Amino acid sequence: MKIGILSDSHNHRERTERAVTLLREAGVEALFHCGDLASEEIVASCAVLPFYFTWGNHDADMVRALEQAAEKHGAHCLGWGGEVTLAGKRIAVVHGHITRDLKPLLEAAPDYLLTGHSHQSHDFHVGVTRRINPGALFRAKVFTVAVLDLQTDELELREVAR
């Protein structure tokens, strides 16, 4: 199973939709957004596949609206951070700007911890957990998303057109 990972859309709907199209063409079966959606429209754009998201610092003033958008579109809102299991892999998702949200997820030692916030991609291990940041769809030199194959553990960053 392949999953698509996005972060930091900051209400750039057209770019987010290009990213979703790119991820769907790569064969992903679910999407994960690591926060800073900044509008309900981003939920709608991503909910074309099973969709999981967490809030970021730019979502703090619209928590209820994002929860309602999740309900309306059948998405899974993980609040300030949470964990799901897909294809036998534990996947934790948090924006990463608040240590008290990130630390418990990391201490639970999931297979993957997906984060955003920095607008820079990264891929490294902390113990048994692989930490992945797909980059950003706003305020970055290059806009990127990630494709993660849960069976092979292969990660590929994909550039999204401006």
C-alpha atoms as a PDB file:
ATOM      1  CA  MET A   1       0.000   0.000   0.000  1.00  0.00           C
ATOM      2  CA  LYS A   2       1.246   3.470  -0.914  1.00  0.00           C
ATOM      3  CA  ILE A   3       0.291   6.594   0.997  1.00  0.00           C
ATOM      4  CA  GLY A   4       0.647  10.224   0.000  1.00  0.00           C
ATOM      5  CA  ILE A   5       2.003  12.735   2.509  1.00  0.00           C
ATOM      6  CA  LEU A   6       1.374  16.493   2.276  1.00  0.00           C
ATOM      7  CA  SER A   7       1.923  19.409   4.599  1.00  0.00           C
ATOM      8  CA  ASP A   8       1.600  23.145   4.952  1.00  0.00           C
ATOM      9  CA  SER A   9      -0.938  23.897   2.217  1.00  0.00           C
ATOM     10  CA  HIS A  10      -1.768  27.261   3.828  1.00  0.00           C
ATOM     11  CA  ASN A  11      -5.033  27.465   1.875  1.00  0.00           C
ATOM     12  CA  HIS A  12      -3.359  27.159  -1.536  1.00  0.00           C
ATOM     13  CA  ARG A  13      -6.153  25.056  -2.982  1.00  0.00           C
ATOM     14  CA  GLU A  14      -5.021  24.871  -6.626  1.00  0.00           C
ATOM     15  CA  ARG A  15      -1.509  23.782  -5.643  1.00  0.00           C
ATOM     16  CA  THR A  16      -2.947  21.254  -3.186  1.00  0.00           C
ATOM     17  CA  GLU A  17      -5.195  19.858  -5.916  1.00  0.00           C
ATOM     18  CA  ARG A  18      -2.159  19.535  -8.234  1.00  0.00           C
ATOM     19  CA  ALA A  19      -0.377  17.699  -5.423  1.00  0.00           C
ATOM     20  CA  VAL A  20      -3.330  15.345  -4.879  1.00  0.00           C
ATOM     21  CA  THR A  21      -3.480  14.606  -8.620  1.00  0.00           C
ATOM     22  CA  LEU A  22       0.252  13.866  -8.637  1.00  0.00           C
ATOM     23  CA  LEU A  23      -0.106  11.530  -5.649  1.00  0.00           C
ATOM     24  CA  ARG A  24      -3.098   9.726  -7.152  1.00  0.00           C
ATOM     25  CA  GLU A  25      -1.151   9.215 -10.389  1.00  0.00           C
ATOM     26  CA  ALA A  26       1.623   7.655  -8.255  1.00  0.00           C
ATOM     27  CA  GLY A  27      -0.878   5.076  -7.031  1.00  0.00           C
ATOM     28  CA  VAL A  28      -1.414   6.194  -3.441  1.00  0.00           C
ATOM     29  CA  GLU A  29      -4.436   4.758  -1.664  1.00  0.00           C
ATOM     30  CA  ALA A  30      -4.659   7.207   1.254  1.00  0.00           C
ATOM     31  CA  LEU A  31      -3.554  10.755   1.992  1.00  0.00           C
ATOM     32  CA  PHE A  32      -2.028  12.186   5.162  1.00  0.00           C
ATOM     33  CA  HIS A  33      -1.774  15.944   5.753  1.00  0.00           C
ATOM     34  CA  CYS A  34       0.606  17.100   8.482  1.00  0.00           C
ATOM     35  CA  GLY A  35      -1.163  20.366   9.295  1.00  0.00           C
ATOM     36  CA  ASP A  36      -1.546  23.999   8.293  1.00  0.00           C
ATOM     37  CA  LEU A  37      -4.404  23.266   5.938  1.00  0.00           C
ATOM     38  CA  ALA A  38      -5.785  26.741   6.789  1.00  0.00           C
ATOM     39  CA  SER A  39      -9.190  26.172   5.163  1.00  0.00           C
ATOM     40  CA  GLU A  40     -12.033  23.713   4.895  1.00  0.00           C
ATOM     41  CA  GLU A  41     -11.529  23.653   1.119  1.00  0.00           C
ATOM     42  CA  ILE A  42      -8.222  21.819   1.579  1.00  0.00           C
ATOM     43  CA  VAL A  43     -10.098  19.042   3.396  1.00  0.00           C
ATOM     44  CA  ALA A  44     -12.502  18.785   0.460  1.00  0.00           C
ATOM     45  CA  SER A  45      -9.627  18.682  -2.041  1.00  0.00           C
ATOM     46  CA  CYS A  46      -7.852  15.882  -0.181  1.00  0.00           C
ATOM     47  CA  ALA A  47     -10.890  13.782   0.755  1.00  0.00           C
ATOM     48  CA  VAL A  48     -11.027  12.199  -2.723  1.00  0.00           C
ATOM     49  CA  LEU A  49      -9.154   9.295  -1.071  1.00  0.00           C
ATOM     50  CA  PRO A  50      -9.208   8.108   2.541  1.00  0.00           C
ATOM     51  CA  PHE A  51      -7.828  11.210   4.234  1.00  0.00           C
ATOM     52  CA  TYR A  52      -6.174  11.740   7.634  1.00  0.00           C
ATOM     53  CA  PHE A  53      -5.021  15.113   8.915  1.00  0.00           C
ATOM     54  CA  THR A  54      -3.759  16.920  11.955  1.00  0.00           C
ATOM     55  CA  TRP A  55      -3.986  20.585  12.861  1.00  0.00           C
ATOM     56  CA  GLY A  56      -1.062  22.971  12.583  1.00  0.00           C
ATOM     57  CA  ASN A  57      -0.371  26.350  14.137  1.00  0.00           C
ATOM     58  CA  HIS A  58      -2.228  28.115  11.289  1.00  0.00           C
ATOM     59  CA  ASP A  59      -5.310  25.977  11.967  1.00  0.00           C
ATOM     60  CA  ALA A  60      -5.764  26.971  15.624  1.00  0.00           C
ATOM     61  CA  ASP A  61      -8.505  29.503  14.905  1.00  0.00           C
ATOM     62  CA  MET A  62     -10.511  27.154  12.701  1.00  0.00           C
ATOM     63  CA  VAL A  63     -10.527  23.869  14.585  1.00  0.00           C
ATOM     64  CA  ARG A  64     -14.339  23.540  14.604  1.00  0.00           C
ATOM     65  CA  ALA A  65     -14.605  24.390  10.889  1.00  0.00           C
ATOM     66  CA  LEU A  66     -11.991  21.730  10.044  1.00  0.00           C
ATOM     67  CA  GLU A  67     -13.805  19.178  12.220  1.00  0.00           C
ATOM     68  CA  GLN A  68     -17.047  19.965  10.404  1.00  0.00           C
ATOM     69  CA  ALA A  69     -15.322  19.682   7.018  1.00  0.00           C
ATOM     70  CA  ALA A  70     -13.944  16.289   8.066  1.00  0.00           C
ATOM     71  CA  GLU A  71     -17.436  15.107   9.016  1.00  0.00           C
ATOM     72  CA  LYS A  72     -18.925  16.441   5.778  1.00  0.00           C
ATOM     73  CA  HIS A  73     -16.301  14.825   3.526  1.00  0.00           C
ATOM     74  CA  GLY A  74     -15.677  11.590   5.452  1.00  0.00           C
ATOM     75  CA  ALA A  75     -12.117  12.552   6.432  1.00  0.00           C
ATOM     76  CA  HIS A  76     -10.340  11.555   9.645  1.00  0.00           C
ATOM     77  CA  CYS A  77      -9.335  14.495  11.834  1.00  0.00           C
ATOM     78  CA  LEU A  78      -6.569  13.502  14.255  1.00  0.00           C
ATOM     79  CA  GLY A  79      -6.739  16.745  16.248  1.00  0.00           C
ATOM     80  CA  TRP A  80      -3.352  18.006  17.420  1.00  0.00           C
ATOM     81  CA  GLY A  81      -1.857  14.600  16.647  1.00  0.00           C
ATOM     82  CA  GLY A  82      -2.791  10.975  16.494  1.00  0.00           C
ATOM     83  CA  GLU A  83      -2.019   7.529  15.186  1.00  0.00           C
ATOM     84  CA  VAL A  84      -3.637   5.153  12.719  1.00  0.00           C
ATOM     85  CA  THR A  85      -2.736   1.677  11.512  1.00  0.00           C
ATOM     86  CA  LEU A  86      -2.727   0.880   7.792  1.00  0.00           C
ATOM     87  CA  ALA A  87      -1.295  -2.210   6.097  1.00  0.00           C
ATOM     88  CA  GLY A  88      -0.028  -3.367   9.488  1.00  0.00           C
ATOM     89  CA  LYS A  89       2.043  -0.180  10.019  1.00  0.00           C
ATOM     90  CA  ARG A  90       1.520   2.309  12.825  1.00  0.00           C
ATOM     91  CA  ILE A  91       1.513   5.832  11.405  1.00  0.00           C
ATOM     92  CA  ALA A  92       1.542   8.822  13.751  1.00  0.00           C
ATOM     93  CA  VAL A  93       0.833  12.306  12.436  1.00  0.00           C
ATOM     94  CA  VAL A  94       1.503  15.651  14.129  1.00  0.00           C
ATOM     95  CA  HIS A  95       2.357  19.099  12.823  1.00  0.00           C
ATOM     96  CA  GLY A  96       5.489  19.217  14.972  1.00  0.00           C
ATOM     97  CA  HIS A  97       5.424  22.765  16.292  1.00  0.00           C
ATOM     98  CA  ILE A  98       4.570  21.796  19.880  1.00  0.00           C
ATOM     99  CA  THR A  99       6.808  19.337  21.714  1.00  0.00           C
ATOM    100  CA  ARG A 100       4.056  18.197  24.084  1.00  0.00           C
ATOM    101  CA  ASP A 101       2.069  16.942  21.077  1.00  0.00           C
ATOM    102  CA  LEU A 102       5.034  15.339  19.317  1.00  0.00           C
ATOM    103  CA  LYS A 103       6.809  13.701  22.273  1.00  0.00           C
ATOM    104  CA  PRO A 104       4.079  11.201  23.337  1.00  0.00           C
ATOM    105  CA  LEU A 105       3.633  10.047  19.740  1.00  0.00           C
ATOM    106  CA  LEU A 106       7.362   9.506  19.330  1.00  0.00           C
ATOM    107  CA  GLU A 107       7.609   7.736  22.713  1.00  0.00           C
ATOM    108  CA  ALA A 108       4.900   5.294  21.568  1.00  0.00           C
ATOM    109  CA  ALA A 109       7.411   4.129  18.914  1.00  0.00           C
ATOM    110  CA  PRO A 110       5.186   3.987  15.822  1.00  0.00           C
ATOM    111  CA  ASP A 111       6.656   2.737  12.557  1.00  0.00           C
ATOM    112  CA  TYR A 112       6.360   6.247  11.095  1.00  0.00           C
ATOM    113  CA  LEU A 113       5.970   9.726  12.524  1.00  0.00           C
ATOM    114  CA  LEU A 114       4.838  12.221   9.882  1.00  0.00           C
ATOM    115  CA  THR A 115       5.383  15.923  10.590  1.00  0.00           C
ATOM    116  CA  GLY A 116       5.304  19.290   8.885  1.00  0.00           C
ATOM    117  CA  HIS A 117       5.824  22.874  10.085  1.00  0.00           C
ATOM    118  CA  SER A 118       9.451  23.434   9.000  1.00  0.00           C
ATOM    119  CA  HIS A 119       8.618  23.688   5.273  1.00  0.00           C
ATOM    120  CA  GLN A 120      11.666  21.474   4.666  1.00  0.00           C
ATOM    121  CA  SER A 121      11.609  17.788   3.881  1.00  0.00           C
ATOM    122  CA  HIS A 122      13.458  15.307   6.050  1.00  0.00           C
ATOM    123  CA  ASP A 123      13.730  11.561   6.513  1.00  0.00           C
ATOM    124  CA  PHE A 124      15.565  10.046   9.484  1.00  0.00           C
ATOM    125  CA  HIS A 125      15.159   7.497  12.277  1.00  0.00           C
ATOM    126  CA  VAL A 126      14.720   8.010  15.999  1.00  0.00           C
ATOM    127  CA  GLY A 127      15.045   4.542  17.447  1.00  0.00           C
ATOM    128  CA  VAL A 128      12.626   2.295  15.566  1.00  0.00           C
ATOM    129  CA  THR A 129      10.555   5.230  14.291  1.00  0.00           C
ATOM    130  CA  ARG A 130      11.112   6.721  10.867  1.00  0.00           C
ATOM    131  CA  ARG A 131      10.411  10.472  10.935  1.00  0.00           C
ATOM    132  CA  ILE A 132       9.249  11.928   7.638  1.00  0.00           C
ATOM    133  CA  ASN A 133       8.466  15.504   6.655  1.00  0.00           C
ATOM    134  CA  PRO A 134       7.247  15.796   3.040  1.00  0.00           C
ATOM    135  CA  GLY A 135       8.193  19.461   2.704  1.00  0.00           C
ATOM    136  CA  ALA A 136       5.575  22.116   2.036  1.00  0.00           C
ATOM    137  CA  LEU A 137       3.114  23.451  -0.495  1.00  0.00           C
ATOM    138  CA  PHE A 138       3.729  27.054   0.592  1.00  0.00           C
ATOM    139  CA  ARG A 139       6.769  29.218   1.365  1.00  0.00           C
ATOM    140  CA  ALA A 140       9.377  26.767   0.111  1.00  0.00           C
ATOM    141  CA  LYS A 141      11.988  26.969  -2.641  1.00  0.00           C
ATOM    142  CA  VAL A 142      10.544  23.785  -4.115  1.00  0.00           C
ATOM    143  CA  PHE A 143       7.045  22.531  -3.289  1.00  0.00           C
ATOM    144  CA  THR A 144       7.115  18.826  -2.455  1.00  0.00           C
ATOM    145  CA  VAL A 145       4.948  15.950  -1.302  1.00  0.00           C
ATOM    146  CA  ALA A 146       5.951  12.374  -0.527  1.00  0.00           C
ATOM    147  CA  VAL A 147       4.932   8.895  -1.608  1.00  0.00           C
ATOM    148  CA  LEU A 148       5.600   6.173   0.971  1.00  0.00           C
ATOM    149  CA  ASP A 149       5.265   2.499   0.114  1.00  0.00           C
ATOM    150  CA  LEU A 150       4.309   0.772   3.370  1.00  0.00           C
ATOM    151  CA  GLN A 151       5.325  -2.667   2.053  1.00  0.00           C
ATOM    152  CA  THR A 152       8.805  -1.795   0.758  1.00  0.00           C
ATOM    153  CA  ASP A 153       9.496   1.206   3.042  1.00  0.00           C
ATOM    154  CA  GLU A 154      10.532   3.227  -0.028  1.00  0.00           C
ATOM    155  CA  LEU A 155      10.033   6.979   0.150  1.00  0.00           C
ATOM    156  CA  GLU A 156       9.939   9.271  -2.847  1.00  0.00           C
ATOM    157  CA  LEU A 157       9.665  13.053  -2.802  1.00  0.00           C
ATOM    158  CA  ARG A 158       7.724  14.530  -5.692  1.00  0.00           C
ATOM    159  CA  GLU A 159       7.911  18.129  -6.822  1.00  0.00           C
ATOM    160  CA  VAL A 160       4.633  19.994  -7.273  1.00  0.00           C
ATOM    161  CA  ALA A 161       4.450  22.661  -9.967  1.00  0.00           C
ATOM    162  CA  ARG A 162       4.133  26.239  -8.809  1.00  0.00           C
END
